[in-house]
Amino acid sequence: YAQEATPMALAASQQALAAAGLTGSQISHLVTVSCTGFVAPGFDIALMKVLKLAPTVSRTHVGFMGCHGALNGLRVASALIHADPDARVLLCAVELCSLHFYYGGDPEKVVANALFADGAAALVAGSAAQAPTSAWRLVAAGSCLFPDSEDAMTWRIGDYGFEMTLSPCVPDLITSHLPSWLAAWLIQHGVTVPQVRSWAIHPGGPRILTAVASCLNLPSEATAVSREVLAEYGNMSSPTTLFILERLCRRGAPRPCVALAFGPGLSVETALFI
C-alpha cells in the first residue's frame, strides 16, 4: 500500500503546492485521507520528507470514512484555520481501491469491482485573508446519518482483503431522506435548493447521481461534471469529490456550490462554497 500510495499522494500534493505558489516549508498542518490501506508510519511521513515539510507540522489522518472522506478532511482543515488564521493546510486524499479487487462471481462484489478505481487529489487551504478574491470559500459543512441504514453500504475486512457491499436500496434511502434534511440545512445558512447554482455530487454510481438529481429536482447539467469524472476515472472513493470541485473551479462554475458525498452509515456529508 505505502509503495503505491506514496507516489500518487506526492504528485497530487506537489501540484497543489505549485498551484498555491507555496513551498512545503510554508505548510503548518497536514491532513491526509484514506480508507483502502493500513500502514504505520503512513504516507503522511513520506509527504513530510519529500515535500520538506517542517518536522513540527501538525498531522491529522481521516481514515475509513469512505467516499465522503475528503469532505471530512475539508471540515478538519476548516476547523484548523478557524483556530489559527495563519494556518496553511495541505489536504491529501489517496485511495488504492484496486488492492481490494474481489475474485469471484458475487453480483454485489462484481458491481464494486466495476465501479471503484485508484486516485489521489490534494489542495491547500488557508484563511480568506491569505487567498485571492476569486478563491472558493468553504462557509459551512454538514453531516447526517440516515436511520436504519447501517447495512446499506459496508466495507469490512474479510479473508481476501476488504469486502465492499453496496445495497440496491441506497438510491431509495437517498430519495427518502436527503431532500428534507438538505433543505433544512441549507436554510440555516441562508440558501435554498433552487438558489444553489452548481453541484459537486460524488458519483458513487450512476444510480446515485440519478437519485440525487431526481429527489432534488435538479436539471441534467447539475450532475454533468460528476458524470464526466465517473466516466473518465471511475469512483476513486474519497478523492473523487476533489476532482469534481477542481473541474468546477477551473471552468468558473457559478456559486453557491454544494458538494455532496455518501458513505458507510448510510451517511451524507455536504459542504457549501461561495
Protein backbone atom coordinates (compact mmCIF):
# COMPACT_ATOMS: atom_id res chain seq x y z
CA TYR A 1 0.00 0.00 0.00
CA ALA A 2 2.67 2.52 1.03
CA GLN A 3 4.77 1.85 -2.09
CA GLU A 4 1.84 2.57 -4.41
CA ALA A 5 0.03 5.29 -2.43
CA THR A 6 3.06 7.47 -1.75
CA PRO A 7 3.94 8.41 -5.37
CA MET A 8 0.31 9.26 -6.12
CA ALA A 9 -0.03 11.34 -2.96
CA LEU A 10 3.24 13.12 -3.69
CA ALA A 11 2.29 14.00 -7.25
CA ALA A 12 -1.08 15.40 -6.17
CA SER A 13 0.45 17.35 -3.28
CA GLN A 14 3.20 18.82 -5.44
CA GLN A 15 0.60 20.06 -7.90
CA ALA A 16 -1.44 21.59 -5.08
CA LEU A 17 1.57 23.42 -3.66
CA ALA A 18 2.56 24.69 -7.09
CA ALA A 19 -0.97 25.94 -7.76
CA ALA A 20 -0.95 27.79 -4.43
CA GLY A 21 2.51 29.22 -5.06
CA LEU A 22 3.84 27.74 -1.83
CA THR A 23 6.71 25.54 -0.74
CA GLY A 24 6.47 22.67 1.72
CA SER A 25 8.15 24.76 4.40
CA GLN A 26 5.16 27.12 4.43
CA ILE A 27 2.66 24.37 5.35
CA SER A 28 1.64 24.35 9.01
CA HIS A 29 -0.84 21.44 9.01
CA LEU A 30 -1.14 18.20 7.04
CA VAL A 31 -4.48 16.39 6.73
CA THR A 32 -4.46 13.01 4.99
CA VAL A 33 -7.44 10.91 3.93
CA SER A 34 -7.56 7.22 3.02
CA CYS A 35 -9.63 4.11 3.71
CA THR A 36 -8.05 1.49 1.45
CA GLY A 37 -4.96 0.53 3.38
CA PHE A 38 -3.32 0.32 6.77
CA VAL A 39 0.33 1.11 7.33
CA ALA A 40 2.31 2.88 10.03
CA PRO A 41 4.10 5.14 9.62
CA GLY A 42 1.68 6.33 6.93
CA PHE A 43 2.16 8.13 3.65
CA ASP A 44 1.96 11.39 5.59
CA ILE A 45 5.53 10.79 6.76
CA ALA A 46 6.68 10.36 3.17
CA LEU A 47 4.93 13.62 2.25
CA MET A 48 6.74 15.41 5.05
CA LYS A 49 10.13 14.13 3.93
CA VAL A 50 9.88 14.63 0.17
CA LEU A 51 7.96 17.92 0.30
CA LYS A 52 10.31 19.19 3.02
CA LEU A 53 7.53 19.97 5.45
CA ALA A 54 8.71 21.12 8.86
CA PRO A 55 9.09 18.35 11.46
CA THR A 56 6.69 20.37 13.62
CA VAL A 57 3.83 20.15 11.09
CA SER A 58 0.60 19.08 12.81
CA ARG A 59 -0.73 15.88 11.26
CA THR A 60 -4.30 14.56 11.21
CA HIS A 61 -5.43 11.42 9.40
CA VAL A 62 -9.05 10.86 8.37
CA GLY A 63 -9.43 7.12 7.93
CA PHE A 64 -12.10 4.66 6.90
CA MET A 65 -14.76 7.27 6.09
CA GLY A 66 -15.26 6.03 2.53
CA CYS A 67 -16.40 8.16 -0.38
CA HIS A 68 -17.11 11.25 1.71
CA GLY A 69 -13.68 11.23 3.39
CA ALA A 70 -12.42 14.31 1.54
CA LEU A 71 -15.35 16.35 2.85
CA ASN A 72 -14.50 15.18 6.37
CA GLY A 73 -10.93 16.30 5.64
CA LEU A 74 -12.16 19.70 4.49
CA ARG A 75 -14.09 20.08 7.73
CA VAL A 76 -10.92 19.34 9.69
CA ALA A 77 -8.94 21.83 7.59
CA SER A 78 -11.60 24.49 8.11
CA ALA A 79 -11.58 23.97 11.87
CA LEU A 80 -7.78 24.25 11.96
CA ILE A 81 -7.90 27.51 10.02
CA HIS A 82 -10.60 28.97 12.24
CA ALA A 83 -8.47 28.10 15.27
CA ASP A 84 -5.36 29.61 13.67
CA PRO A 85 -5.99 32.15 10.87
CA ASP A 86 -2.31 31.95 9.89
CA ALA A 87 -2.54 28.20 9.23
CA ARG A 88 -1.84 26.79 5.79
CA VAL A 89 -3.26 23.30 5.49
CA LEU A 90 -2.24 20.71 2.91
CA LEU A 91 -5.06 18.20 2.43
CA CYS A 92 -4.27 15.00 0.51
CA ALA A 93 -6.70 12.15 -0.22
CA VAL A 94 -5.42 8.94 -1.81
CA GLU A 95 -7.16 5.60 -2.35
CA LEU A 96 -5.98 2.30 -3.87
CA CYS A 97 -9.29 0.55 -4.39
CA SER A 98 -7.67 -1.93 -6.77
CA LEU A 99 -5.91 -3.52 -3.80
CA HIS A 100 -9.27 -4.88 -2.77
CA PHE A 101 -10.40 -6.35 -6.07
CA TYR A 102 -12.70 -9.26 -5.24
CA TYR A 103 -12.20 -12.52 -7.13
CA GLY A 104 -15.48 -14.32 -7.56
CA GLY A 105 -18.95 -14.12 -9.01
CA ASP A 106 -20.90 -12.47 -6.20
CA PRO A 107 -23.05 -9.84 -8.02
CA GLU A 108 -22.57 -7.17 -5.35
CA LYS A 109 -18.80 -7.63 -5.44
CA VAL A 110 -18.78 -7.55 -9.24
CA VAL A 111 -20.56 -4.17 -9.12
CA ALA A 112 -17.98 -2.85 -6.65
CA ASN A 113 -15.13 -4.14 -8.83
CA ALA A 114 -16.60 -2.34 -11.84
CA LEU A 115 -17.14 0.98 -10.05
CA PHE A 116 -14.03 1.58 -7.97
CA ALA A 117 -10.64 2.86 -9.11
CA ASP A 118 -7.39 4.31 -7.78
CA GLY A 119 -6.85 8.04 -7.40
CA ALA A 120 -5.28 10.88 -5.45
CA ALA A 121 -6.08 14.56 -5.06
CA ALA A 122 -4.77 17.39 -2.91
CA LEU A 123 -5.38 21.04 -2.15
CA VAL A 124 -4.02 23.81 0.02
CA ALA A 125 -6.42 25.68 2.29
CA GLY A 126 -5.93 28.92 4.19
CA SER A 127 -7.86 31.82 5.65
CA ALA A 128 -9.77 34.26 3.43
CA ALA A 129 -7.12 36.89 4.17
CA GLN A 130 -4.45 34.66 2.58
CA ALA A 131 -6.45 33.70 -0.51
CA PRO A 132 -7.12 35.60 -3.74
CA THR A 133 -10.58 37.14 -4.00
CA SER A 134 -11.53 34.59 -6.67
CA ALA A 135 -10.83 31.61 -4.40
CA TRP A 136 -13.71 29.39 -3.40
CA ARG A 137 -14.64 29.75 0.28
CA LEU A 138 -15.96 26.89 2.40
CA VAL A 139 -18.61 28.52 4.59
CA ALA A 140 -20.39 25.51 6.09
CA ALA A 141 -20.16 21.73 6.38
CA GLY A 142 -22.89 19.33 7.44
CA SER A 143 -23.48 15.66 8.11
CA CYS A 144 -26.49 13.39 8.50
CA LEU A 145 -26.77 9.69 9.34
CA PHE A 146 -29.80 8.13 7.69
CA PRO A 147 -31.88 5.96 10.07
CA ASP A 148 -31.68 2.15 9.97
CA SER A 149 -29.17 2.15 7.10
CA GLU A 150 -26.10 0.52 8.64
CA ASP A 151 -26.13 -2.42 6.19
CA ALA A 152 -26.72 -0.39 3.04
CA MET A 153 -23.04 0.35 2.42
CA THR A 154 -20.33 -1.61 4.19
CA TRP A 155 -16.56 -2.00 3.94
CA ARG A 156 -15.25 -4.89 6.01
CA ILE A 157 -12.04 -6.87 6.23
CA GLY A 158 -12.56 -10.45 5.06
CA ASP A 159 -10.35 -13.42 4.31
CA TYR A 160 -9.31 -11.95 0.96
CA GLY A 161 -8.95 -8.26 1.75
CA PHE A 162 -11.60 -5.58 2.14
CA GLU A 163 -15.09 -6.58 1.07
CA MET A 164 -17.39 -3.86 -0.23
CA THR A 165 -21.18 -4.17 -0.10
CA LEU A 166 -23.46 -1.77 -1.95
CA SER A 167 -27.13 -2.44 -1.34
CA PRO A 168 -29.55 -1.70 -4.20
CA CYS A 169 -31.61 0.24 -1.65
CA VAL A 170 -29.05 3.07 -1.42
CA PRO A 171 -30.79 5.25 -4.06
CA ASP A 172 -34.12 4.73 -2.27
CA LEU A 173 -32.61 5.77 1.05
CA ILE A 174 -31.22 8.91 -0.56
CA THR A 175 -34.60 9.70 -2.11
CA SER A 176 -36.37 9.21 1.21
CA HIS A 177 -34.06 11.18 3.49
CA LEU A 178 -31.89 13.63 1.56
CA PRO A 179 -34.38 16.28 0.35
CA SER A 180 -35.88 17.28 3.70
CA TRP A 181 -32.59 17.25 5.58
CA LEU A 182 -30.62 19.14 2.92
CA ALA A 183 -33.32 21.79 2.51
CA ALA A 184 -33.39 22.41 6.27
CA TRP A 185 -29.59 22.51 6.47
CA LEU A 186 -29.26 24.97 3.61
CA ILE A 187 -31.91 27.28 5.08
CA GLN A 188 -29.76 27.54 8.22
CA HIS A 189 -27.10 29.10 6.01
CA GLY A 190 -29.43 31.39 4.06
CA VAL A 191 -29.67 29.30 0.89
CA THR A 192 -32.46 27.28 -0.70
CA VAL A 193 -32.01 24.32 -3.03
CA PRO A 194 -33.14 26.31 -6.12
CA GLN A 195 -30.57 29.02 -5.25
CA VAL A 196 -27.66 26.55 -5.47
CA ARG A 197 -26.00 27.28 -8.81
CA SER A 198 -23.62 24.33 -9.11
CA TRP A 199 -23.28 20.89 -7.59
CA ALA A 200 -20.32 18.62 -6.83
CA ILE A 201 -22.09 15.31 -6.25
CA HIS A 202 -19.91 12.29 -5.56
CA PRO A 203 -20.71 9.69 -8.23
CA GLY A 204 -20.89 6.61 -6.05
CA GLY A 205 -22.57 5.12 -9.10
CA PRO A 206 -24.86 6.27 -11.92
CA ARG A 207 -27.99 5.38 -9.95
CA ILE A 208 -26.88 7.54 -7.03
CA LEU A 209 -26.47 10.55 -9.31
CA THR A 210 -29.88 9.89 -10.83
CA ALA A 211 -31.48 9.56 -7.39
CA VAL A 212 -29.97 12.81 -6.11
CA ALA A 213 -30.94 14.76 -9.23
CA SER A 214 -34.47 13.35 -9.18
CA CYS A 215 -35.25 13.89 -5.50
CA LEU A 216 -33.83 17.45 -5.52
CA ASN A 217 -35.44 18.32 -8.89
CA LEU A 218 -32.08 19.26 -10.39
CA PRO A 219 -31.56 19.88 -14.11
CA SER A 220 -29.42 17.42 -16.03
CA GLU A 221 -26.48 19.83 -16.18
CA ALA A 222 -26.22 19.75 -12.36
CA THR A 223 -24.69 16.27 -12.50
CA ALA A 224 -22.79 16.67 -15.78
CA VAL A 225 -19.34 17.17 -14.23
CA SER A 226 -19.88 14.32 -11.78
CA ARG A 227 -20.76 12.02 -14.65
CA GLU A 228 -17.72 13.17 -16.60
CA VAL A 229 -15.40 12.34 -13.72
CA LEU A 230 -17.07 8.96 -13.18
CA ALA A 231 -16.75 8.11 -16.87
CA GLU A 232 -13.10 9.18 -17.07
CA TYR A 233 -11.75 7.95 -13.73
CA GLY A 234 -14.33 5.70 -12.06
CA ASN A 235 -15.26 6.01 -8.40
CA MET A 236 -11.96 6.75 -6.66
CA SER A 237 -13.66 6.92 -3.27
CA SER A 238 -12.53 9.97 -1.27
CA PRO A 239 -10.50 11.89 -3.94
CA THR A 240 -13.42 11.91 -6.38
CA THR A 241 -15.18 14.91 -4.86
CA LEU A 242 -11.97 16.94 -5.10
CA PHE A 243 -11.66 16.01 -8.79
CA ILE A 244 -15.18 17.35 -9.36
CA LEU A 245 -14.57 20.54 -7.37
CA GLU A 246 -11.32 21.20 -9.25
CA ARG A 247 -13.10 20.86 -12.59
CA LEU A 248 -15.90 23.17 -11.47
CA CYS A 249 -13.39 25.76 -10.23
CA ARG A 250 -11.38 25.58 -13.44
CA ARG A 251 -14.49 26.13 -15.53
CA GLY A 252 -15.64 29.07 -13.44
CA ALA A 253 -18.80 27.36 -12.23
CA PRO A 254 -21.25 29.75 -10.58
CA ARG A 255 -21.70 29.79 -6.83
CA PRO A 256 -23.02 28.97 -4.32
CA CYS A 257 -21.90 25.41 -4.88
CA VAL A 258 -22.90 22.40 -2.78
CA ALA A 259 -20.76 19.27 -2.54
CA LEU A 260 -22.45 16.02 -1.54
CA ALA A 261 -20.98 12.59 -0.86
CA PHE A 262 -22.36 9.40 0.66
CA GLY A 263 -20.59 6.78 2.73
CA PRO A 264 -20.99 3.89 5.15
CA GLY A 265 -23.64 4.56 7.71
CA LEU A 266 -25.51 5.29 5.40
CA SER A 267 -24.47 8.89 5.86
CA VAL A 268 -24.24 12.04 3.78
CA GLU A 269 -21.63 14.76 4.07
CA THR A 270 -22.10 18.17 2.50
CA ALA A 271 -20.15 21.37 2.07
CA LEU A 272 -21.31 24.82 0.99
CA PHE A 273 -18.95 27.01 -1.05
CA ILE A 274 -19.35 30.63 -2.07
